[in-house]
Amino acid sequence: MPPRAEPPPASGGDAAPRILLIEDDADDAALTRELLGDIFGAALALEWVRSWDAGLAAVGETRHDIYLVDYRLGDRNGLQLVRAAIDGLAGAGAHVREVEWPEVSLYAAAVGVITLAEAAAYHEQYLPARRVEYSDEVARKLEAGAQIRATQYVDAMRVMQQARRGEADRVLDGVDVLMTPQVQEVAPPIADVLMDQHVGRRVVFTGPIDLTGQPAMSVPCGLSSDGLPVGLQIIGRRWDEAAVVRAGRAYEMVRGPFPAPPIS
């Protein structure tokens, strides 16, 4: 196998949201950089790390506005339970195959740009005078949103329009639905959520679907070793909610009754 080319070092400026990419494959990282260039061009501010642990450390430094995460990484995202759920459907007669969806990183970045810019526009009348009433993380994201250029916002909206005109549905050619984890990690305790403001990393699977407009639902598929629930996300073509509901019901029939999480 020929050696893989390393993606070029990140470049960027104050006018672009800061993006963290957690991806262990150099070719996939290079492709992601190329796709994101459609929105940010030379202003792309992308930091790439190869491992889940390094990614968590970078998240903790609060230097990023958008998170892109390879779903296969991490030991707390319930991936084993999601795979077991899909295997259960295969055992019941469903035809299962893996698909590649490289555009999903572009969709994740585009929805981040749109969300940050629109949130900054809404809060513009409040933020300067009432900044102390905002958490540091929220205020920082709103300030980053205010720095997004009009051209970047328009390009992100164009990505959304193209996705909703049928581009995103192409990944479903030959299949009825997609299945992914719902979040990058298992459900955290409430105390952890109150202390952790980095909610962006928890929408890496749901955020792109907000942009594409495809129907999606989450079905509990098991409990982690800590007794916390894990969700299986089911995604369908635009306007085909029926296929998503049928797949969810089929999985519930294969799964059987869902165990109640332990309550102490």
C-alpha atoms as a PDB file:
ATOM      1  CA  MET A   1       0.000   0.000   0.000  1.00  0.00           C
ATOM      2  CA  PRO A   2       1.475   3.392  -0.954  1.00  0.00           C
ATOM      3  CA  PRO A   3       2.172   5.823   1.872  1.00  0.00           C
ATOM      4  CA  ARG A   4      -0.685   8.161   2.727  1.00  0.00           C
ATOM      5  CA  ALA A   5      -0.195  11.865   2.255  1.00  0.00           C
ATOM      6  CA  GLU A   6      -0.597  13.887   5.404  1.00  0.00           C
ATOM      7  CA  PRO A   7      -3.194  16.695   5.149  1.00  0.00           C
ATOM      8  CA  PRO A   8      -1.571  20.112   4.994  1.00  0.00           C
ATOM      9  CA  PRO A   9      -1.293  22.049   8.243  1.00  0.00           C
ATOM     10  CA  ALA A  10      -4.317  24.044   9.305  1.00  0.00           C
ATOM     11  CA  SER A  11      -4.633  27.606   8.215  1.00  0.00           C
ATOM     12  CA  GLY A  12      -7.218  30.135   9.227  1.00  0.00           C
ATOM     13  CA  GLY A  13      -8.129  33.546  10.432  1.00  0.00           C
ATOM     14  CA  ASP A  14     -10.373  35.343  12.838  1.00  0.00           C
ATOM     15  CA  ALA A  15     -13.300  35.316  10.386  1.00  0.00           C
ATOM     16  CA  ALA A  16     -13.744  31.548  10.327  1.00  0.00           C
ATOM     17  CA  PRO A  17     -15.178  29.293  13.031  1.00  0.00           C
ATOM     18  CA  ARG A  18     -12.554  27.043  14.561  1.00  0.00           C
ATOM     19  CA  ILE A  19     -13.156  23.405  13.672  1.00  0.00           C
ATOM     20  CA  LEU A  20     -11.826  20.315  15.446  1.00  0.00           C
ATOM     21  CA  LEU A  21     -11.593  17.125  13.378  1.00  0.00           C
ATOM     22  CA  ILE A  22     -11.095  13.866  15.296  1.00  0.00           C
ATOM     23  CA  GLU A  23     -10.197  11.314  12.634  1.00  0.00           C
ATOM     24  CA  ASP A  24      -7.605   8.517  12.604  1.00  0.00           C
ATOM     25  CA  ASP A  25      -7.404   8.155   8.809  1.00  0.00           C
ATOM     26  CA  ALA A  26      -5.168  10.647   6.987  1.00  0.00           C
ATOM     27  CA  ASP A  27      -6.945  10.180   3.639  1.00  0.00           C
ATOM     28  CA  ASP A  28     -10.345  10.878   5.211  1.00  0.00           C
ATOM     29  CA  ALA A  29      -8.907  13.920   6.977  1.00  0.00           C
ATOM     30  CA  ALA A  30      -7.556  15.260   3.675  1.00  0.00           C
ATOM     31  CA  LEU A  31     -10.936  14.694   1.997  1.00  0.00           C
ATOM     32  CA  THR A  32     -12.699  16.512   4.827  1.00  0.00           C
ATOM     33  CA  ARG A  33     -10.348  19.462   4.449  1.00  0.00           C
ATOM     34  CA  GLU A  34     -11.048  19.573   0.728  1.00  0.00           C
ATOM     35  CA  LEU A  35     -14.823  19.512   1.256  1.00  0.00           C
ATOM     36  CA  LEU A  36     -14.727  22.222   3.904  1.00  0.00           C
ATOM     37  CA  GLY A  37     -12.835  24.427   1.473  1.00  0.00           C
ATOM     38  CA  ASP A  38     -16.144  24.833  -0.377  1.00  0.00           C
ATOM     39  CA  ILE A  39     -17.332  27.042   2.476  1.00  0.00           C
ATOM     40  CA  PHE A  40     -14.250  28.550   4.062  1.00  0.00           C
ATOM     41  CA  GLY A  41     -11.644  28.666   1.295  1.00  0.00           C
ATOM     42  CA  ALA A  42      -8.317  29.986   2.521  1.00  0.00           C
ATOM     43  CA  ALA A  43      -9.912  31.047   5.807  1.00  0.00           C
ATOM     44  CA  LEU A  44     -10.413  27.425   6.897  1.00  0.00           C
ATOM     45  CA  ALA A  45      -9.334  27.046  10.535  1.00  0.00           C
ATOM     46  CA  LEU A  46      -9.138  23.285  11.008  1.00  0.00           C
ATOM     47  CA  GLU A  47      -7.264  21.390  13.700  1.00  0.00           C
ATOM     48  CA  TRP A  48      -6.870  17.663  13.057  1.00  0.00           C
ATOM     49  CA  VAL A  49      -6.102  15.098  15.757  1.00  0.00           C
ATOM     50  CA  ARG A  50      -5.837  11.350  15.200  1.00  0.00           C
ATOM     51  CA  SER A  51      -7.052   9.833  18.480  1.00  0.00           C
ATOM     52  CA  TRP A  52     -10.133  10.035  20.679  1.00  0.00           C
ATOM     53  CA  ASP A  53      -8.051  10.858  23.764  1.00  0.00           C
ATOM     54  CA  ALA A  54      -6.266  13.692  21.965  1.00  0.00           C
ATOM     55  CA  GLY A  55      -9.629  14.927  20.727  1.00  0.00           C
ATOM     56  CA  LEU A  56     -11.095  15.000  24.236  1.00  0.00           C
ATOM     57  CA  ALA A  57      -8.074  16.939  25.445  1.00  0.00           C
ATOM     58  CA  ALA A  58      -8.552  19.475  22.636  1.00  0.00           C
ATOM     59  CA  VAL A  59     -12.261  19.770  23.419  1.00  0.00           C
ATOM     60  CA  GLY A  60     -11.395  20.563  27.022  1.00  0.00           C
ATOM     61  CA  GLU A  61      -9.293  23.529  25.915  1.00  0.00           C
ATOM     62  CA  THR A  62     -12.392  25.345  24.527  1.00  0.00           C
ATOM     63  CA  ARG A  63     -10.603  26.460  21.366  1.00  0.00           C
ATOM     64  CA  HIS A  64     -13.180  25.249  18.837  1.00  0.00           C
ATOM     65  CA  ASP A  65     -16.652  26.136  17.647  1.00  0.00           C
ATOM     66  CA  ILE A  66     -17.507  23.065  15.513  1.00  0.00           C
ATOM     67  CA  TYR A  67     -16.650  19.417  16.160  1.00  0.00           C
ATOM     68  CA  LEU A  68     -16.298  16.702  13.506  1.00  0.00           C
ATOM     69  CA  VAL A  69     -15.809  13.208  14.927  1.00  0.00           C
ATOM     70  CA  ASP A  70     -15.272   9.810  13.294  1.00  0.00           C
ATOM     71  CA  TYR A  71     -18.099   7.736  14.764  1.00  0.00           C
ATOM     72  CA  ARG A  72     -15.821   4.700  15.095  1.00  0.00           C
ATOM     73  CA  LEU A  73     -13.606   6.382  17.680  1.00  0.00           C
ATOM     74  CA  GLY A  74     -14.144   6.473  21.421  1.00  0.00           C
ATOM     75  CA  ASP A  75     -14.896   3.731  23.910  1.00  0.00           C
ATOM     76  CA  ARG A  76     -17.991   5.321  25.473  1.00  0.00           C
ATOM     77  CA  ASN A  77     -20.187   5.992  22.447  1.00  0.00           C
ATOM     78  CA  GLY A  78     -22.115   2.725  22.654  1.00  0.00           C
ATOM     79  CA  LEU A  79     -20.930   1.709  19.199  1.00  0.00           C
ATOM     80  CA  GLN A  80     -20.800  -1.951  20.189  1.00  0.00           C
ATOM     81  CA  LEU A  81     -24.463  -1.816  21.213  1.00  0.00           C
ATOM     82  CA  VAL A  82     -25.391  -0.043  17.991  1.00  0.00           C
ATOM     83  CA  ARG A  83     -23.598  -2.688  15.951  1.00  0.00           C
ATOM     84  CA  ALA A  84     -25.312  -5.415  17.981  1.00  0.00           C
ATOM     85  CA  ALA A  85     -28.681  -3.792  17.231  1.00  0.00           C
ATOM     86  CA  ILE A  86     -27.954  -3.764  13.507  1.00  0.00           C
ATOM     87  CA  ASP A  87     -26.699  -7.352  13.647  1.00  0.00           C
ATOM     88  CA  GLY A  88     -29.962  -8.293  15.336  1.00  0.00           C
ATOM     89  CA  LEU A  89     -31.903  -6.830  12.423  1.00  0.00           C
ATOM     90  CA  ALA A  90     -29.667  -8.700   9.981  1.00  0.00           C
ATOM     91  CA  GLY A  91     -30.359 -11.908  11.860  1.00  0.00           C
ATOM     92  CA  ALA A  92     -34.074 -11.248  11.463  1.00  0.00           C
ATOM     93  CA  GLY A  93     -33.737 -10.953   7.694  1.00  0.00           C
ATOM     94  CA  ALA A  94     -32.726  -7.339   7.010  1.00  0.00           C
ATOM     95  CA  HIS A  95     -30.077  -6.760   4.336  1.00  0.00           C
ATOM     96  CA  VAL A  96     -27.268  -4.739   5.931  1.00  0.00           C
ATOM     97  CA  ARG A  97     -24.246  -3.070   4.353  1.00  0.00           C
ATOM     98  CA  GLU A  98     -21.935  -0.211   5.246  1.00  0.00           C
ATOM     99  CA  VAL A  99     -21.954   2.963   3.172  1.00  0.00           C
ATOM    100  CA  GLU A 100     -19.511   5.856   2.851  1.00  0.00           C
ATOM    101  CA  TRP A 101     -20.885   9.387   3.308  1.00  0.00           C
ATOM    102  CA  PRO A 102     -17.980  11.812   2.926  1.00  0.00           C
ATOM    103  CA  GLU A 103     -20.297  14.824   2.541  1.00  0.00           C
ATOM    104  CA  VAL A 104     -21.496  14.460   6.117  1.00  0.00           C
ATOM    105  CA  SER A 105     -18.468  16.430   7.372  1.00  0.00           C
ATOM    106  CA  LEU A 106     -19.395  19.258   5.005  1.00  0.00           C
ATOM    107  CA  TYR A 107     -22.970  19.176   6.288  1.00  0.00           C
ATOM    108  CA  ALA A 108     -21.778  19.254   9.899  1.00  0.00           C
ATOM    109  CA  ALA A 109     -19.592  22.282   9.236  1.00  0.00           C
ATOM    110  CA  ALA A 110     -22.311  24.059   7.260  1.00  0.00           C
ATOM    111  CA  VAL A 111     -24.927  23.626   9.975  1.00  0.00           C
ATOM    112  CA  GLY A 112     -22.372  24.921  12.480  1.00  0.00           C
ATOM    113  CA  VAL A 113     -21.810  28.066  10.402  1.00  0.00           C
ATOM    114  CA  ILE A 114     -25.545  28.672   9.962  1.00  0.00           C
ATOM    115  CA  THR A 115     -26.308  28.073  13.636  1.00  0.00           C
ATOM    116  CA  LEU A 116     -23.500  30.297  14.902  1.00  0.00           C
ATOM    117  CA  ALA A 117     -24.283  33.144  12.500  1.00  0.00           C
ATOM    118  CA  GLU A 118     -28.036  33.114  13.130  1.00  0.00           C
ATOM    119  CA  ALA A 119     -27.596  32.837  16.890  1.00  0.00           C
ATOM    120  CA  ALA A 120     -25.182  35.782  16.826  1.00  0.00           C
ATOM    121  CA  ALA A 121     -27.694  37.842  14.826  1.00  0.00           C
ATOM    122  CA  TYR A 122     -30.473  37.088  17.336  1.00  0.00           C
ATOM    123  CA  HIS A 123     -28.361  37.857  20.424  1.00  0.00           C
ATOM    124  CA  GLU A 124     -26.619  40.910  18.959  1.00  0.00           C
ATOM    125  CA  GLN A 125     -28.977  43.266  20.780  1.00  0.00           C
ATOM    126  CA  TYR A 126     -28.271  41.629  24.151  1.00  0.00           C
ATOM    127  CA  LEU A 127     -24.717  40.338  24.201  1.00  0.00           C
ATOM    128  CA  PRO A 128     -22.576  43.467  24.511  1.00  0.00           C
ATOM    129  CA  ALA A 129     -24.508  44.949  27.427  1.00  0.00           C
ATOM    130  CA  ARG A 130     -25.436  41.711  29.181  1.00  0.00           C
ATOM    131  CA  ARG A 131     -22.411  39.513  28.539  1.00  0.00           C
ATOM    132  CA  VAL A 132     -22.019  38.650  32.209  1.00  0.00           C
ATOM    133  CA  GLU A 133     -25.379  36.872  32.031  1.00  0.00           C
ATOM    134  CA  TYR A 134     -24.021  34.436  29.426  1.00  0.00           C
ATOM    135  CA  SER A 135     -21.745  31.508  30.193  1.00  0.00           C
ATOM    136  CA  ASP A 136     -18.219  31.943  28.867  1.00  0.00           C
ATOM    137  CA  GLU A 137     -18.700  29.146  26.326  1.00  0.00           C
ATOM    138  CA  VAL A 138     -21.965  30.521  24.939  1.00  0.00           C
ATOM    139  CA  ALA A 139     -20.621  34.079  24.777  1.00  0.00           C
ATOM    140  CA  ARG A 140     -17.493  32.882  22.978  1.00  0.00           C
ATOM    141  CA  LYS A 141     -19.540  30.987  20.391  1.00  0.00           C
ATOM    142  CA  LEU A 142     -21.793  33.977  19.792  1.00  0.00           C
ATOM    143  CA  GLU A 143     -18.755  36.201  19.325  1.00  0.00           C
ATOM    144  CA  ALA A 144     -17.344  33.658  16.869  1.00  0.00           C
ATOM    145  CA  GLY A 145     -20.657  33.668  15.026  1.00  0.00           C
ATOM    146  CA  ALA A 146     -20.499  37.444  14.703  1.00  0.00           C
ATOM    147  CA  GLN A 147     -17.166  37.060  12.871  1.00  0.00           C
ATOM    148  CA  ILE A 148     -18.579  34.781  10.143  1.00  0.00           C
ATOM    149  CA  ARG A 149     -18.445  36.507   6.771  1.00  0.00           C
ATOM    150  CA  ALA A 150     -21.546  36.890   4.649  1.00  0.00           C
ATOM    151  CA  THR A 151     -19.936  34.818   1.895  1.00  0.00           C
ATOM    152  CA  GLN A 152     -19.345  31.931   4.318  1.00  0.00           C
ATOM    153  CA  TYR A 153     -22.954  32.065   5.483  1.00  0.00           C
ATOM    154  CA  VAL A 154     -24.215  32.108   1.877  1.00  0.00           C
ATOM    155  CA  ASP A 155     -21.962  29.181   0.966  1.00  0.00           C
ATOM    156  CA  ALA A 156     -23.246  27.215   3.978  1.00  0.00           C
ATOM    157  CA  MET A 157     -26.840  27.945   2.952  1.00  0.00           C
ATOM    158  CA  ARG A 158     -26.003  26.761  -0.553  1.00  0.00           C
ATOM    159  CA  VAL A 159     -24.698  23.485   0.896  1.00  0.00           C
ATOM    160  CA  MET A 160     -28.000  23.093   2.750  1.00  0.00           C
ATOM    161  CA  GLN A 161     -30.066  23.799  -0.360  1.00  0.00           C
ATOM    162  CA  GLN A 162     -28.087  21.300  -2.431  1.00  0.00           C
ATOM    163  CA  ALA A 163     -28.407  18.669   0.285  1.00  0.00           C
ATOM    164  CA  ARG A 164     -32.168  19.154   0.466  1.00  0.00           C
ATOM    165  CA  ARG A 165     -32.575  19.037  -3.307  1.00  0.00           C
ATOM    166  CA  GLY A 166     -31.518  15.409  -3.313  1.00  0.00           C
ATOM    167  CA  GLU A 167     -27.754  15.369  -2.837  1.00  0.00           C
ATOM    168  CA  ALA A 168     -27.973  14.006   0.711  1.00  0.00           C
ATOM    169  CA  ASP A 169     -30.414  11.264  -0.309  1.00  0.00           C
ATOM    170  CA  ARG A 170     -27.873   9.783  -2.718  1.00  0.00           C
ATOM    171  CA  VAL A 171     -26.186   8.012   0.197  1.00  0.00           C
ATOM    172  CA  LEU A 172     -29.421   6.002   0.513  1.00  0.00           C
ATOM    173  CA  ASP A 173     -29.217   4.596  -3.016  1.00  0.00           C
ATOM    174  CA  GLY A 174     -29.849   0.872  -2.674  1.00  0.00           C
ATOM    175  CA  VAL A 175     -30.921   1.016   0.990  1.00  0.00           C
ATOM    176  CA  ASP A 176     -34.072   2.043   2.861  1.00  0.00           C
ATOM    177  CA  VAL A 177     -32.548   3.761   5.913  1.00  0.00           C
ATOM    178  CA  LEU A 178     -29.227   4.617   7.532  1.00  0.00           C
ATOM    179  CA  MET A 179     -28.395   3.633  11.100  1.00  0.00           C
ATOM    180  CA  THR A 180     -25.818   5.392  13.275  1.00  0.00           C
ATOM    181  CA  PRO A 181     -25.224   6.097  16.958  1.00  0.00           C
ATOM    182  CA  GLN A 182     -27.364   9.004  18.119  1.00  0.00           C
ATOM    183  CA  VAL A 183     -24.609  10.761  20.055  1.00  0.00           C
ATOM    184  CA  GLN A 184     -20.857  10.440  20.306  1.00  0.00           C
ATOM    185  CA  GLU A 185     -21.017   9.255  23.904  1.00  0.00           C
ATOM    186  CA  VAL A 186     -23.458   7.525  26.207  1.00  0.00           C
ATOM    187  CA  ALA A 187     -25.937   9.613  28.197  1.00  0.00           C
ATOM    188  CA  PRO A 188     -23.946  11.587  30.787  1.00  0.00           C
ATOM    189  CA  PRO A 189     -25.124  12.141  34.370  1.00  0.00           C
ATOM    190  CA  ILE A 190     -26.898  15.470  34.916  1.00  0.00           C
ATOM    191  CA  ALA A 191     -24.052  16.707  37.115  1.00  0.00           C
ATOM    192  CA  ASP A 192     -21.581  16.172  34.271  1.00  0.00           C
ATOM    193  CA  VAL A 193     -23.795  18.102  31.848  1.00  0.00           C
ATOM    194  CA  LEU A 194     -24.066  21.051  34.225  1.00  0.00           C
ATOM    195  CA  MET A 195     -20.278  21.189  34.493  1.00  0.00           C
ATOM    196  CA  ASP A 196     -19.536  20.525  30.799  1.00  0.00           C
ATOM    197  CA  GLN A 197     -20.358  23.279  28.333  1.00  0.00           C
ATOM    198  CA  HIS A 198     -18.955  21.507  25.269  1.00  0.00           C
ATOM    199  CA  VAL A 199     -22.306  20.400  23.926  1.00  0.00           C
ATOM    200  CA  GLY A 200     -21.129  20.718  20.325  1.00  0.00           C
ATOM    201  CA  ARG A 201     -19.474  17.341  20.366  1.00  0.00           C
ATOM    202  CA  ARG A 202     -22.786  15.719  21.311  1.00  0.00           C
ATOM    203  CA  VAL A 203     -24.507  16.729  18.069  1.00  0.00           C
ATOM    204  CA  VAL A 204     -22.001  15.341  15.576  1.00  0.00           C
ATOM    205  CA  PHE A 205     -24.548  12.774  14.372  1.00  0.00           C
ATOM    206  CA  THR A 206     -27.768  14.772  14.691  1.00  0.00           C
ATOM    207  CA  GLY A 207     -26.488  18.169  13.490  1.00  0.00           C
ATOM    208  CA  PRO A 208     -25.903  17.142   9.861  1.00  0.00           C
ATOM    209  CA  ILE A 209     -29.443  15.732   9.691  1.00  0.00           C
ATOM    210  CA  ASP A 210     -30.815  19.080  10.870  1.00  0.00           C
ATOM    211  CA  LEU A 211     -29.171  20.534   7.786  1.00  0.00           C
ATOM    212  CA  THR A 212     -30.224  17.851   5.277  1.00  0.00           C
ATOM    213  CA  GLY A 213     -33.841  17.872   6.467  1.00  0.00           C
ATOM    214  CA  GLN A 214     -34.023  14.095   6.370  1.00  0.00           C
ATOM    215  CA  PRO A 215     -36.370  12.393   8.841  1.00  0.00           C
ATOM    216  CA  ALA A 216     -34.666  10.667  11.757  1.00  0.00           C
ATOM    217  CA  MET A 217     -35.604   9.011  15.016  1.00  0.00           C
ATOM    218  CA  SER A 218     -33.765   7.564  17.974  1.00  0.00           C
ATOM    219  CA  VAL A 219     -34.610   4.165  19.430  1.00  0.00           C
ATOM    220  CA  PRO A 220     -33.006   2.881  22.667  1.00  0.00           C
ATOM    221  CA  CYS A 221     -30.784  -0.065  21.806  1.00  0.00           C
ATOM    222  CA  GLY A 222     -29.202  -1.025  25.121  1.00  0.00           C
ATOM    223  CA  LEU A 223     -27.518   0.054  28.314  1.00  0.00           C
ATOM    224  CA  SER A 224     -23.834   0.805  28.691  1.00  0.00           C
ATOM    225  CA  SER A 225     -21.640  -0.862  31.295  1.00  0.00           C
ATOM    226  CA  ASP A 226     -22.566   2.079  33.550  1.00  0.00           C
ATOM    227  CA  GLY A 227     -26.273   1.371  33.095  1.00  0.00           C
ATOM    228  CA  LEU A 228     -26.815   4.414  30.850  1.00  0.00           C
ATOM    229  CA  PRO A 229     -29.017   4.237  27.731  1.00  0.00           C
ATOM    230  CA  VAL A 230     -27.612   4.199  24.196  1.00  0.00           C
ATOM    231  CA  GLY A 231     -29.627   5.403  21.207  1.00  0.00           C
ATOM    232  CA  LEU A 232     -29.758   4.002  17.674  1.00  0.00           C
ATOM    233  CA  GLN A 233     -30.391   6.791  15.143  1.00  0.00           C
ATOM    234  CA  ILE A 234     -32.411   5.815  12.058  1.00  0.00           C
ATOM    235  CA  ILE A 235     -32.286   8.195   9.062  1.00  0.00           C
ATOM    236  CA  GLY A 236     -34.447   8.105   5.940  1.00  0.00           C
ATOM    237  CA  ARG A 237     -34.931   9.978   2.693  1.00  0.00           C
ATOM    238  CA  ARG A 238     -36.633  13.352   2.757  1.00  0.00           C
ATOM    239  CA  TRP A 239     -40.389  12.980   3.034  1.00  0.00           C
ATOM    240  CA  ASP A 240     -40.100   9.254   3.759  1.00  0.00           C
ATOM    241  CA  GLU A 241     -40.887   9.278   7.462  1.00  0.00           C
ATOM    242  CA  ALA A 242     -42.827   6.039   6.990  1.00  0.00           C
ATOM    243  CA  ALA A 243     -39.652   4.084   6.209  1.00  0.00           C
ATOM    244  CA  VAL A 244     -37.989   5.420   9.366  1.00  0.00           C
ATOM    245  CA  VAL A 245     -40.956   4.512  11.548  1.00  0.00           C
ATOM    246  CA  ARG A 246     -41.176   1.021   9.995  1.00  0.00           C
ATOM    247  CA  ALA A 247     -37.480   0.416  10.629  1.00  0.00           C
ATOM    248  CA  GLY A 248     -37.790   1.653  14.204  1.00  0.00           C
ATOM    249  CA  ARG A 249     -40.749  -0.597  14.871  1.00  0.00           C
ATOM    250  CA  ALA A 250     -38.988  -3.556  13.256  1.00  0.00           C
ATOM    251  CA  TYR A 251     -36.000  -3.035  15.527  1.00  0.00           C
ATOM    252  CA  GLU A 252     -38.215  -2.769  18.629  1.00  0.00           C
ATOM    253  CA  MET A 253     -39.808  -6.100  17.711  1.00  0.00           C
ATOM    254  CA  VAL A 254     -36.375  -7.715  17.310  1.00  0.00           C
ATOM    255  CA  ARG A 255     -35.025  -6.088  20.487  1.00  0.00           C
ATOM    256  CA  GLY A 256     -37.947  -6.923  22.733  1.00  0.00           C
ATOM    257  CA  PRO A 257     -38.758  -5.056  25.957  1.00  0.00           C
ATOM    258  CA  PHE A 258     -36.168  -2.423  26.866  1.00  0.00           C
ATOM    259  CA  PRO A 259     -34.620  -2.835  30.318  1.00  0.00           C
ATOM    260  CA  ALA A 260     -35.218  -0.004  32.744  1.00  0.00           C
ATOM    261  CA  PRO A 261     -32.021   1.873  33.666  1.00  0.00           C
ATOM    262  CA  PRO A 262     -31.021   1.424  37.316  1.00  0.00           C
ATOM    263  CA  ILE A 263     -32.160   4.262  39.562  1.00  0.00           C
ATOM    264  CA  SER A 264     -30.252   4.826  42.766  1.00  0.00           C
END
